[in-house]
Amino acid sequence: MDMTNPTKAEKARALAYKRPALSSMGYQAMMEELSEIQEACDEVTYWVNTDDGTLLDAFDGDTEAEWEFRLAFGDLSAGCYQLSDCIYDSVESAESFDDCTVALIGNRYDLVGFDGFQEDYVSLTGYQAELAETEAGKRLMRLTKKEMIAQIGMSFGILLAFYDLRHKYDYLQAAMDVLRDENHSVIQRMKDVDAAYDAAASAQWNYEAEPLWEKFERLTRDLPERMWVEA
């Protein structure tokens, strides 16, 4: 492709509104995010299945809560796979899905259009966005009433299912981040305790060593109770 031809590039960009999509809920963006969520869930599932007990520690030894947490990521990964499979089987084309969402709610979201020259989506200006909504509406109106209702129902059913999965993932990921931060904090405190002990033990027993032992004792008091039980 000749990228030095500005006339061809400008023409392609000017026609980008002919194939519009919602920037955050377009077919392509949605499928890519589903894949990313599934991959992230699979990584977490692998981590918890090979965990050495750190996750159980984070739940203060509650095996039931730990098991439910493990299952949640597995279920979410399976949900992503099922929704992706359903989309592949049900949606006639990416364009038909995007036409429906752009025509009905395109005025509430940022729109992108496919640039045939760059072979990628680009942001649409206000005027282009209005043209994109109009073009999508025209294509939708060519359907029979029965076809239109079926396509709208299917498209928005998919969007609701997608948002439900994304909401669950955001919640689980936030919980996972908290657990990881907590575990990292405990590990760091253990290292601080070791360093404080080494410093105090290596110092000569005099007035200079007293603050070092006081620091060591203060750090040990801050450790979670379970660390003493497990030790």
Protein backbone atom coordinates (compact mmCIF):
# COMPACT_ATOMS: atom_id res chain seq x y z
CA MET A 1 0.00 0.00 0.00
CA ASP A 2 1.38 3.37 -1.00
CA MET A 3 1.43 5.38 2.24
CA THR A 4 2.86 8.42 0.40
CA ASN A 5 -0.37 9.10 -1.52
CA PRO A 6 -2.18 11.79 0.52
CA THR A 7 -5.18 11.91 -1.80
CA LYS A 8 -5.98 8.27 -1.27
CA ALA A 9 -5.37 8.58 2.48
CA GLU A 10 -7.59 11.63 2.84
CA LYS A 11 -10.36 9.99 0.82
CA ALA A 12 -10.27 6.86 2.97
CA ARG A 13 -10.35 8.90 6.17
CA ALA A 14 -13.25 11.00 4.89
CA LEU A 15 -15.25 7.80 4.30
CA ALA A 16 -14.42 6.30 7.70
CA TYR A 17 -17.93 7.14 8.93
CA LYS A 18 -19.32 4.54 6.50
CA ARG A 19 -18.21 1.79 8.89
CA PRO A 20 -18.64 3.18 12.41
CA ALA A 21 -18.50 1.61 15.86
CA LEU A 22 -18.79 2.69 19.47
CA SER A 23 -15.26 3.31 20.70
CA SER A 24 -15.70 1.39 23.97
CA MET A 25 -18.38 -1.10 22.90
CA GLY A 26 -17.68 -1.77 19.26
CA TYR A 27 -17.59 -5.36 18.10
CA GLN A 28 -13.82 -5.46 17.64
CA ALA A 29 -13.05 -3.74 20.94
CA MET A 30 -15.51 -5.97 22.78
CA MET A 31 -14.05 -9.20 21.38
CA GLU A 32 -10.50 -8.09 22.17
CA GLU A 33 -11.46 -7.21 25.75
CA LEU A 34 -13.24 -10.55 26.21
CA SER A 35 -10.06 -12.30 25.12
CA GLU A 36 -7.96 -10.18 27.49
CA ILE A 37 -10.28 -10.87 30.42
CA GLN A 38 -10.26 -14.60 29.73
CA GLU A 39 -6.46 -14.64 29.50
CA ALA A 40 -6.13 -12.68 32.75
CA CYS A 41 -8.55 -15.02 34.53
CA ASP A 42 -6.64 -18.06 33.28
CA GLU A 43 -3.39 -16.57 34.58
CA VAL A 44 -4.94 -15.98 38.01
CA THR A 45 -6.42 -19.50 38.01
CA TYR A 46 -2.98 -20.93 37.26
CA TRP A 47 -1.44 -18.83 40.03
CA VAL A 48 -3.96 -19.87 42.70
CA ASN A 49 -3.77 -23.53 41.65
CA THR A 50 0.00 -23.52 42.10
CA ASP A 51 -0.11 -21.32 45.20
CA ASP A 52 1.90 -22.43 48.23
CA GLY A 53 -0.69 -21.30 50.76
CA THR A 54 -0.35 -17.54 50.36
CA LEU A 55 -3.93 -17.21 49.17
CA LEU A 56 -5.26 -19.18 52.13
CA ASP A 57 -3.25 -16.94 54.44
CA ALA A 58 -4.88 -13.90 52.85
CA PHE A 59 -8.28 -15.32 53.78
CA ASP A 60 -7.09 -15.95 57.35
CA GLY A 61 -7.35 -19.71 56.89
CA ASP A 62 -10.96 -19.65 55.65
CA THR A 63 -10.84 -22.56 53.20
CA GLU A 64 -14.41 -22.02 52.01
CA ALA A 65 -13.80 -18.38 51.09
CA GLU A 66 -10.54 -19.34 49.39
CA TRP A 67 -12.27 -22.06 47.34
CA GLU A 68 -15.06 -19.70 46.26
CA PHE A 69 -12.44 -17.18 45.17
CA ARG A 70 -10.66 -19.82 43.09
CA LEU A 71 -13.92 -20.88 41.44
CA ALA A 72 -14.92 -17.28 40.67
CA PHE A 73 -12.03 -16.75 38.26
CA GLY A 74 -12.59 -20.13 36.61
CA ASP A 75 -16.30 -19.39 36.17
CA LEU A 76 -15.54 -15.97 34.72
CA SER A 77 -13.07 -17.45 32.22
CA ALA A 78 -15.70 -19.98 31.17
CA GLY A 79 -18.25 -17.17 30.85
CA CYS A 80 -15.94 -15.25 28.50
CA TYR A 81 -15.49 -18.35 26.36
CA GLN A 82 -19.23 -19.03 26.22
CA LEU A 83 -20.09 -15.43 25.35
CA SER A 84 -17.42 -15.30 22.63
CA ASP A 85 -18.74 -18.58 21.22
CA CYS A 86 -22.30 -17.24 21.30
CA ILE A 87 -21.25 -14.04 19.50
CA TYR A 88 -19.46 -15.99 16.76
CA ASP A 89 -22.53 -18.17 16.25
CA SER A 90 -25.20 -15.47 16.52
CA VAL A 91 -23.82 -12.26 15.05
CA GLU A 92 -23.93 -12.17 11.26
CA SER A 93 -21.04 -9.71 11.02
CA ALA A 94 -19.18 -7.10 13.01
CA GLU A 95 -20.78 -4.42 10.83
CA SER A 96 -24.33 -5.57 11.60
CA PHE A 97 -23.63 -5.46 15.33
CA ASP A 98 -22.00 -2.02 15.14
CA ASP A 99 -24.78 -0.64 12.93
CA CYS A 100 -27.30 -1.49 15.61
CA THR A 101 -25.43 0.06 18.53
CA VAL A 102 -24.30 3.15 16.62
CA ALA A 103 -27.77 3.86 15.26
CA LEU A 104 -29.46 3.58 18.65
CA ILE A 105 -26.98 4.96 21.19
CA GLY A 106 -24.20 6.45 19.06
CA ASN A 107 -25.12 9.97 20.17
CA ARG A 108 -24.19 9.07 23.77
CA TYR A 109 -20.75 7.60 23.16
CA ASP A 110 -17.57 8.43 21.28
CA LEU A 111 -17.57 6.98 17.80
CA VAL A 112 -14.77 5.58 15.68
CA GLY A 113 -14.77 4.77 11.99
CA PHE A 114 -12.77 2.27 9.98
CA ASP A 115 -10.05 3.89 7.89
CA GLY A 116 -9.57 1.60 4.89
CA PHE A 117 -6.22 3.20 4.05
CA GLN A 118 -4.66 2.68 7.48
CA GLU A 119 -6.73 -0.47 8.04
CA ASP A 120 -7.57 0.68 11.55
CA TYR A 121 -10.26 2.57 13.44
CA VAL A 122 -9.93 6.34 13.91
CA SER A 123 -11.88 8.81 16.03
CA LEU A 124 -14.71 10.62 14.25
CA THR A 125 -15.34 14.36 14.51
CA GLY A 126 -18.73 15.73 15.51
CA TYR A 127 -19.91 16.07 11.91
CA GLN A 128 -18.55 12.66 10.94
CA ALA A 129 -20.19 11.12 13.99
CA GLU A 130 -23.58 12.48 12.91
CA LEU A 131 -23.04 11.05 9.43
CA ALA A 132 -22.06 7.70 10.98
CA GLU A 133 -25.28 7.54 13.02
CA THR A 134 -27.34 8.42 9.95
CA GLU A 135 -25.64 5.81 7.75
CA ALA A 136 -26.01 3.11 10.41
CA GLY A 137 -29.67 4.01 10.84
CA LYS A 138 -30.27 3.76 7.09
CA ARG A 139 -28.78 0.27 6.95
CA LEU A 140 -30.82 -0.79 9.95
CA MET A 141 -34.03 0.55 8.38
CA ARG A 142 -33.53 -1.65 5.33
CA LEU A 143 -34.37 -4.67 7.48
CA THR A 144 -37.89 -5.92 7.99
CA LYS A 145 -39.49 -5.12 11.35
CA LYS A 146 -38.99 -8.70 12.48
CA GLU A 147 -35.32 -8.69 11.46
CA MET A 148 -34.77 -5.31 13.07
CA ILE A 149 -36.27 -6.37 16.41
CA ALA A 150 -34.26 -9.58 16.37
CA GLN A 151 -30.98 -7.78 15.60
CA ILE A 152 -31.55 -5.06 18.20
CA GLY A 153 -32.51 -7.60 20.85
CA MET A 154 -29.50 -9.78 20.10
CA SER A 155 -27.02 -6.89 20.00
CA PHE A 156 -28.13 -5.36 23.26
CA GLY A 157 -28.42 -8.76 24.92
CA ILE A 158 -24.76 -9.29 24.04
CA LEU A 159 -23.82 -5.86 25.36
CA LEU A 160 -25.57 -6.52 28.68
CA ALA A 161 -23.86 -9.90 29.02
CA PHE A 162 -20.51 -8.30 28.19
CA TYR A 163 -20.98 -5.55 30.75
CA ASP A 164 -21.99 -8.10 33.37
CA LEU A 165 -18.79 -10.06 32.75
CA ARG A 166 -16.65 -6.94 32.78
CA HIS A 167 -18.23 -5.80 36.05
CA LYS A 168 -17.51 -9.17 37.67
CA TYR A 169 -13.94 -9.08 36.39
CA ASP A 170 -13.35 -5.54 37.70
CA TYR A 171 -14.64 -6.62 41.12
CA LEU A 172 -12.53 -9.79 41.24
CA GLN A 173 -9.45 -8.03 39.93
CA ALA A 174 -9.80 -5.34 42.58
CA ALA A 175 -10.05 -8.05 45.25
CA MET A 176 -7.02 -9.81 43.77
CA ASP A 177 -5.00 -6.59 43.82
CA VAL A 178 -5.87 -6.07 47.50
CA LEU A 179 -4.76 -9.62 48.36
CA ARG A 180 -1.51 -9.24 46.43
CA ASP A 181 -0.78 -5.89 48.08
CA GLU A 182 -1.50 -7.39 51.50
CA ASN A 183 0.78 -10.35 50.89
CA HIS A 184 3.52 -8.10 49.54
CA SER A 185 3.17 -5.90 52.62
CA VAL A 186 3.54 -8.87 54.97
CA ILE A 187 6.59 -10.16 53.09
CA GLN A 188 8.17 -6.70 53.18
CA ARG A 189 7.53 -6.44 56.92
CA MET A 190 9.19 -9.83 57.47
CA LYS A 191 12.24 -8.59 55.57
CA ASP A 192 12.27 -5.44 57.70
CA VAL A 193 12.15 -7.58 60.85
CA ASP A 194 15.07 -9.71 59.65
CA ALA A 195 17.10 -6.63 58.75
CA ALA A 196 16.36 -5.00 62.12
CA TYR A 197 17.36 -8.16 63.99
CA ASP A 198 20.63 -8.49 62.05
CA ALA A 199 21.47 -4.84 62.72
CA ALA A 200 20.73 -5.12 66.43
CA ALA A 201 22.50 -8.46 66.85
CA SER A 202 25.63 -7.26 65.11
CA ALA A 203 25.85 -4.06 67.15
CA GLN A 204 27.87 -3.98 70.34
CA TRP A 205 25.79 -4.19 73.50
CA ASN A 206 25.77 -0.59 74.55
CA TYR A 207 23.53 2.45 74.41
CA GLU A 208 23.77 2.50 70.59
CA ALA A 209 22.25 -0.99 70.33
CA GLU A 210 19.20 -0.19 72.46
CA PRO A 211 17.34 1.79 69.73
CA LEU A 212 18.02 -1.05 67.29
CA TRP A 213 16.42 -3.63 69.57
CA GLU A 214 13.51 -1.28 70.22
CA LYS A 215 12.96 -1.01 66.45
CA PHE A 216 13.09 -4.79 66.13
CA GLU A 217 10.51 -5.25 68.90
CA ARG A 218 8.25 -2.58 67.37
CA LEU A 219 8.34 -4.30 63.96
CA THR A 220 7.56 -7.71 65.46
CA ARG A 221 4.52 -6.27 67.23
CA ASP A 222 3.18 -5.05 63.87
CA LEU A 223 3.25 -8.51 62.29
CA PRO A 224 -0.13 -10.28 61.79
CA GLU A 225 -0.97 -12.77 64.55
CA ARG A 226 -1.14 -15.62 62.04
CA MET A 227 2.58 -15.21 61.34
CA TRP A 228 3.32 -16.25 64.95
CA VAL A 229 0.89 -19.19 64.79
CA GLU A 230 2.39 -20.48 61.54
CA ALA A 231 5.92 -19.93 62.75
